[in-house]
Protein backbone atom coordinates (compact mmCIF):
# COMPACT_ATOMS: atom_id res chain seq x y z
CA MET A 1 1.98 50.92 16.14
CA ILE A 2 0.35 48.66 13.63
CA GLY A 3 -2.60 50.20 11.80
CA TYR A 4 -2.22 53.81 12.95
CA GLU A 5 -2.97 55.14 9.45
CA MET A 6 -6.31 53.32 9.46
CA LEU A 7 -7.18 54.89 12.79
CA ALA A 8 -6.15 58.39 11.71
CA ASN A 9 -8.44 58.17 8.67
CA MET A 10 -11.59 56.98 10.47
CA SER A 11 -14.49 59.40 10.00
CA ASP A 12 -16.25 58.38 13.25
CA LYS A 13 -13.97 60.03 15.80
CA ASP A 14 -15.77 58.49 18.80
CA ARG A 15 -15.19 55.02 17.37
CA ALA A 16 -11.56 55.93 16.59
CA GLN A 17 -11.14 57.02 20.22
CA GLU A 18 -12.51 53.67 21.43
CA VAL A 19 -10.08 51.80 19.14
CA TRP A 20 -7.22 53.94 20.48
CA HIS A 21 -8.23 53.19 24.07
CA ARG A 22 -8.41 49.44 23.41
CA ALA A 23 -5.06 49.32 21.58
CA MET A 24 -3.16 51.36 24.16
CA GLY A 25 -2.79 49.07 27.14
CA PRO A 26 -1.70 50.26 30.58
CA GLU A 27 1.98 49.75 29.76
CA ALA A 28 1.72 51.92 26.64
CA ARG A 29 -0.24 54.66 28.41
CA ASP A 30 2.32 54.73 31.23
CA TRP A 31 5.27 54.86 28.82
CA PHE A 32 3.72 57.63 26.71
CA ALA A 33 3.00 59.72 29.83
CA LYS A 34 6.66 59.38 30.83
CA PHE A 35 7.80 60.12 27.26
CA TYR A 36 5.73 63.32 27.01
CA ALA A 37 6.96 64.45 30.44
CA PHE A 38 10.53 63.84 29.27
CA LYS A 39 9.96 65.80 26.03
CA ALA A 40 8.56 68.70 28.10
CA GLY A 41 11.63 68.65 30.32
CA HIS A 42 9.82 67.24 33.35
CA GLY A 43 11.31 63.82 33.76
CA PRO A 44 14.00 61.34 32.75
CA ASP A 45 14.14 59.64 29.36
CA PRO A 46 11.90 56.56 29.64
CA GLY A 47 14.00 54.71 27.07
CA LYS A 48 12.64 52.64 24.24
CA TYR A 49 9.09 51.28 24.55
CA THR A 50 9.34 47.54 25.22
CA GLY A 51 5.74 46.72 26.13
CA PRO A 52 3.16 44.79 24.14
CA VAL A 53 2.70 45.64 20.46
CA ILE A 54 0.25 48.49 19.94
CA ASP A 55 -2.05 47.05 17.26
CA PHE A 56 -4.87 49.35 16.17
CA GLU A 57 -6.08 46.93 13.50
CA LYS A 58 -6.59 44.17 16.08
CA ALA A 59 -8.37 46.61 18.41
CA ALA A 60 -10.64 47.76 15.56
CA GLN A 61 -11.45 44.16 14.64
CA GLU A 62 -12.30 43.30 18.25
CA LEU A 63 -14.56 46.36 18.51
CA GLU A 64 -16.27 45.46 15.23
CA GLU A 65 -16.96 41.94 16.53
CA GLU A 66 -18.43 43.31 19.78
CA GLU A 67 -20.21 46.36 18.35
CA PRO A 68 -20.65 46.21 14.57
CA GLU A 69 -20.43 49.63 12.93
CA THR A 70 -23.69 50.83 11.40
CA ASP A 71 -24.09 53.27 8.53
CA ASP A 72 -26.71 55.81 9.62
CA GLU A 73 -26.82 57.60 6.27
């Protein structure tokens, strides 16, 4: 999960949520749902995640290119 620390330290939580959504593709969301079900005792071990790289920095850069962040202060 490349760039997670950057995401965790963002002050604009709505923007951080959008970055998270962009970085977590369908494969990642599906795997994490299975993983959390397994950890709660409600499903089999999904094994190691083998989907596309989860890259928060790339997602943040793409969002910045589409919707530049403004400083309202």
